[in-house]
Amino acid sequence: MTFLGVFAWSPVSSATVTTTLGVDPGAWNVWRNRRLTPAPLSRTWFRRASGSPLVYQVSDVLVWLATKRGEHIDPLTTWRLSLARDFGTETSDPVEIRRLAVLYARAVGPVIGGVRFTTAGFQAYLASLLSSS
């Protein structure tokens, strides 16, 4: 599964998730209300948008999908695979993977895949990339 135009550590709106997965948005909301989906990122990180969509990290969605298929993958592995696929960068060092994710996220800036961060939210997001598993 690939989310076009974004990386595994990137945030995406719930609309992007449902479109990419081919899932009815109403069904996604029911699953979310039943706590069957990955947890969205903190709403306080983002500027309010029309309809106030929830925002997810791509790696969380990919891990959730793998779990549903009985596979095991962790977020850092999705980031490593994204670095290899999108940038041709091969590394298995967790510190280097996190550092590169922050570097590329910072380069893209506070608007990623149509998701707009607040200033404080963007800083919190970058900090979260350094501490993610």
C-alpha atoms as a PDB file:
ATOM      1  CA  MET A   1       0.000   0.000   0.000  1.00  0.00           C
ATOM      2  CA  THR A   2       1.354   3.404  -0.955  1.00  0.00           C
ATOM      3  CA  PHE A   3       0.050   6.839  -0.115  1.00  0.00           C
ATOM      4  CA  LEU A   4       1.063   8.852  -3.175  1.00  0.00           C
ATOM      5  CA  GLY A   5       2.952  12.095  -2.655  1.00  0.00           C
ATOM      6  CA  VAL A   6       3.734  11.572   1.028  1.00  0.00           C
ATOM      7  CA  PHE A   7       6.197   9.573   3.093  1.00  0.00           C
ATOM      8  CA  ALA A   8       5.580   6.973   5.785  1.00  0.00           C
ATOM      9  CA  TRP A   9       6.177   9.525   8.561  1.00  0.00           C
ATOM     10  CA  SER A  10       3.847  12.075   6.940  1.00  0.00           C
ATOM     11  CA  PRO A  11       0.438  13.131   8.212  1.00  0.00           C
ATOM     12  CA  VAL A  12      -2.613  12.580   6.007  1.00  0.00           C
ATOM     13  CA  SER A  13      -6.247  13.552   6.420  1.00  0.00           C
ATOM     14  CA  SER A  14      -8.965  11.013   7.075  1.00  0.00           C
ATOM     15  CA  ALA A  15     -10.266  11.772   3.567  1.00  0.00           C
ATOM     16  CA  THR A  16      -6.899  10.744   2.109  1.00  0.00           C
ATOM     17  CA  VAL A  17      -6.905   7.562   4.202  1.00  0.00           C
ATOM     18  CA  THR A  18     -10.394   6.517   3.117  1.00  0.00           C
ATOM     19  CA  THR A  19      -9.727   7.375  -0.539  1.00  0.00           C
ATOM     20  CA  THR A  20      -6.425   5.494  -0.607  1.00  0.00           C
ATOM     21  CA  LEU A  21      -7.897   2.459   1.134  1.00  0.00           C
ATOM     22  CA  GLY A  22     -11.129   2.561  -0.875  1.00  0.00           C
ATOM     23  CA  VAL A  23     -13.163   2.653   2.340  1.00  0.00           C
ATOM     24  CA  ASP A  24     -16.476   4.431   2.804  1.00  0.00           C
ATOM     25  CA  PRO A  25     -15.881   7.485   5.056  1.00  0.00           C
ATOM     26  CA  GLY A  26     -18.957   6.579   7.099  1.00  0.00           C
ATOM     27  CA  ALA A  27     -17.611   3.089   7.735  1.00  0.00           C
ATOM     28  CA  TRP A  28     -14.240   4.565   8.735  1.00  0.00           C
ATOM     29  CA  ASN A  29     -15.999   6.844  11.250  1.00  0.00           C
ATOM     30  CA  VAL A  30     -17.895   3.897  12.733  1.00  0.00           C
ATOM     31  CA  TRP A  31     -14.653   1.941  13.042  1.00  0.00           C
ATOM     32  CA  ARG A  32     -12.934   4.966  14.612  1.00  0.00           C
ATOM     33  CA  ASN A  33     -15.755   5.410  17.116  1.00  0.00           C
ATOM     34  CA  ARG A  34     -15.355   1.746  18.042  1.00  0.00           C
ATOM     35  CA  ARG A  35     -11.589   2.303  18.383  1.00  0.00           C
ATOM     36  CA  LEU A  36     -10.829  -0.106  15.545  1.00  0.00           C
ATOM     37  CA  THR A  37      -8.668   2.310  13.542  1.00  0.00           C
ATOM     38  CA  PRO A  38      -5.251   3.718  14.317  1.00  0.00           C
ATOM     39  CA  ALA A  39      -5.307   6.687  16.682  1.00  0.00           C
ATOM     40  CA  PRO A  40      -5.309  10.063  14.943  1.00  0.00           C
ATOM     41  CA  LEU A  41      -2.608  12.602  15.676  1.00  0.00           C
ATOM     42  CA  SER A  42      -3.364  15.379  18.160  1.00  0.00           C
ATOM     43  CA  ARG A  43      -5.946  17.823  16.772  1.00  0.00           C
ATOM     44  CA  THR A  44      -4.104  20.657  18.504  1.00  0.00           C
ATOM     45  CA  TRP A  45      -1.220  20.239  16.049  1.00  0.00           C
ATOM     46  CA  PHE A  46      -3.279  21.314  13.047  1.00  0.00           C
ATOM     47  CA  ARG A  47      -5.062  24.367  11.737  1.00  0.00           C
ATOM     48  CA  ARG A  48      -8.789  23.889  11.606  1.00  0.00           C
ATOM     49  CA  ALA A  49      -9.985  22.941   8.159  1.00  0.00           C
ATOM     50  CA  SER A  50     -13.451  22.716   6.686  1.00  0.00           C
ATOM     51  CA  GLY A  51     -15.139  19.796   8.397  1.00  0.00           C
ATOM     52  CA  SER A  52     -12.147  19.471  10.752  1.00  0.00           C
ATOM     53  CA  PRO A  53     -10.849  16.161   9.369  1.00  0.00           C
ATOM     54  CA  LEU A  54      -8.823  13.925  11.629  1.00  0.00           C
ATOM     55  CA  VAL A  55      -5.188  13.466  10.719  1.00  0.00           C
ATOM     56  CA  TYR A  56      -3.293  10.181  10.804  1.00  0.00           C
ATOM     57  CA  GLN A  57       0.359   9.320  10.351  1.00  0.00           C
ATOM     58  CA  VAL A  58       0.846   7.133   7.275  1.00  0.00           C
ATOM     59  CA  SER A  59       3.034   4.669   9.204  1.00  0.00           C
ATOM     60  CA  ASP A  60       0.257   4.142  11.763  1.00  0.00           C
ATOM     61  CA  VAL A  61      -2.187   3.288   8.980  1.00  0.00           C
ATOM     62  CA  LEU A  62       0.326   0.931   7.348  1.00  0.00           C
ATOM     63  CA  VAL A  63       0.994  -0.842  10.675  1.00  0.00           C
ATOM     64  CA  TRP A  64      -2.776  -1.102  11.273  1.00  0.00           C
ATOM     65  CA  LEU A  65      -3.283  -2.654   7.814  1.00  0.00           C
ATOM     66  CA  ALA A  66      -0.452  -5.143   8.324  1.00  0.00           C
ATOM     67  CA  THR A  67      -1.911  -6.189  11.677  1.00  0.00           C
ATOM     68  CA  LYS A  68      -5.298  -6.772  10.027  1.00  0.00           C
ATOM     69  CA  ARG A  69      -3.541  -9.120   7.581  1.00  0.00           C
ATOM     70  CA  GLY A  70      -1.768 -10.954  10.400  1.00  0.00           C
ATOM     71  CA  GLU A  71       1.603  -9.435   9.559  1.00  0.00           C
ATOM     72  CA  HIS A  72       3.978  -7.660  11.915  1.00  0.00           C
ATOM     73  CA  ILE A  73       5.627  -4.395  10.942  1.00  0.00           C
ATOM     74  CA  ASP A  74       6.563  -1.435  13.101  1.00  0.00           C
ATOM     75  CA  PRO A  75       6.443   2.273  12.234  1.00  0.00           C
ATOM     76  CA  LEU A  76      10.212   2.602  11.974  1.00  0.00           C
ATOM     77  CA  THR A  77      10.310  -0.193   9.392  1.00  0.00           C
ATOM     78  CA  THR A  78       7.735   1.663   7.278  1.00  0.00           C
ATOM     79  CA  TRP A  79       9.938   4.751   7.493  1.00  0.00           C
ATOM     80  CA  ARG A  80      13.012   2.726   6.476  1.00  0.00           C
ATOM     81  CA  LEU A  81      11.127   1.310   3.483  1.00  0.00           C
ATOM     82  CA  SER A  82       9.936   4.800   2.520  1.00  0.00           C
ATOM     83  CA  LEU A  83      13.500   6.139   2.656  1.00  0.00           C
ATOM     84  CA  ALA A  84      14.665   3.303   0.406  1.00  0.00           C
ATOM     85  CA  ARG A  85      11.771   3.627  -2.066  1.00  0.00           C
ATOM     86  CA  ASP A  86      11.511   7.429  -2.218  1.00  0.00           C
ATOM     87  CA  PHE A  87      15.132   8.494  -1.763  1.00  0.00           C
ATOM     88  CA  GLY A  88      17.249   5.411  -2.492  1.00  0.00           C
ATOM     89  CA  THR A  89      18.599   5.633   1.061  1.00  0.00           C
ATOM     90  CA  GLU A  90      19.403   2.285   2.650  1.00  0.00           C
ATOM     91  CA  THR A  91      19.875   2.352   6.419  1.00  0.00           C
ATOM     92  CA  SER A  92      18.783   0.185   9.309  1.00  0.00           C
ATOM     93  CA  ASP A  93      20.098   2.468  12.064  1.00  0.00           C
ATOM     94  CA  PRO A  94      17.034   3.707  14.015  1.00  0.00           C
ATOM     95  CA  VAL A  95      18.737   6.986  14.944  1.00  0.00           C
ATOM     96  CA  GLU A  96      19.614   7.676  11.306  1.00  0.00           C
ATOM     97  CA  ILE A  97      16.111   6.760  10.131  1.00  0.00           C
ATOM     98  CA  ARG A  98      14.576   9.208  12.617  1.00  0.00           C
ATOM     99  CA  ARG A  99      17.106  11.910  11.737  1.00  0.00           C
ATOM    100  CA  LEU A 100      16.358  11.583   8.022  1.00  0.00           C
ATOM    101  CA  ALA A 101      12.588  11.606   8.624  1.00  0.00           C
ATOM    102  CA  VAL A 102      12.929  14.870  10.559  1.00  0.00           C
ATOM    103  CA  LEU A 103      15.217  16.322   7.892  1.00  0.00           C
ATOM    104  CA  TYR A 104      12.762  15.561   5.081  1.00  0.00           C
ATOM    105  CA  ALA A 105       9.706  16.593   7.128  1.00  0.00           C
ATOM    106  CA  ARG A 106      11.362  19.906   8.003  1.00  0.00           C
ATOM    107  CA  ALA A 107      12.266  20.453   4.331  1.00  0.00           C
ATOM    108  CA  VAL A 108       8.645  19.968   3.258  1.00  0.00           C
ATOM    109  CA  GLY A 109       7.510  22.389   5.948  1.00  0.00           C
ATOM    110  CA  PRO A 110       4.343  22.902   7.903  1.00  0.00           C
ATOM    111  CA  VAL A 111       2.057  22.020   4.977  1.00  0.00           C
ATOM    112  CA  ILE A 112       2.377  18.325   4.156  1.00  0.00           C
ATOM    113  CA  GLY A 113       0.028  16.594   1.760  1.00  0.00           C
ATOM    114  CA  GLY A 114      -2.617  19.275   2.227  1.00  0.00           C
ATOM    115  CA  VAL A 115      -2.417  19.058   6.029  1.00  0.00           C
ATOM    116  CA  ARG A 116      -1.541  22.382   7.705  1.00  0.00           C
ATOM    117  CA  PHE A 117       0.242  22.434  11.038  1.00  0.00           C
ATOM    118  CA  THR A 118       0.187  25.222  13.561  1.00  0.00           C
ATOM    119  CA  THR A 119       3.672  26.523  14.402  1.00  0.00           C
ATOM    120  CA  ALA A 120       3.700  24.736  17.770  1.00  0.00           C
ATOM    121  CA  GLY A 121       2.091  21.663  16.220  1.00  0.00           C
ATOM    122  CA  PHE A 122       4.813  21.384  13.599  1.00  0.00           C
ATOM    123  CA  GLN A 123       7.499  21.539  16.281  1.00  0.00           C
ATOM    124  CA  ALA A 124       5.651  18.860  18.314  1.00  0.00           C
ATOM    125  CA  TYR A 125       5.336  16.704  15.182  1.00  0.00           C
ATOM    126  CA  LEU A 126       9.070  16.965  14.447  1.00  0.00           C
ATOM    127  CA  ALA A 127       9.858  16.103  18.076  1.00  0.00           C
ATOM    128  CA  SER A 128       7.530  13.086  17.859  1.00  0.00           C
ATOM    129  CA  LEU A 129       9.504  11.760  14.894  1.00  0.00           C
ATOM    130  CA  LEU A 130      12.624  11.625  17.035  1.00  0.00           C
ATOM    131  CA  SER A 131      10.900   9.639  19.763  1.00  0.00           C
ATOM    132  CA  SER A 132       8.631   7.346  17.720  1.00  0.00           C
ATOM    133  CA  SER A 133       9.163   3.604  17.871  1.00  0.00           C
END
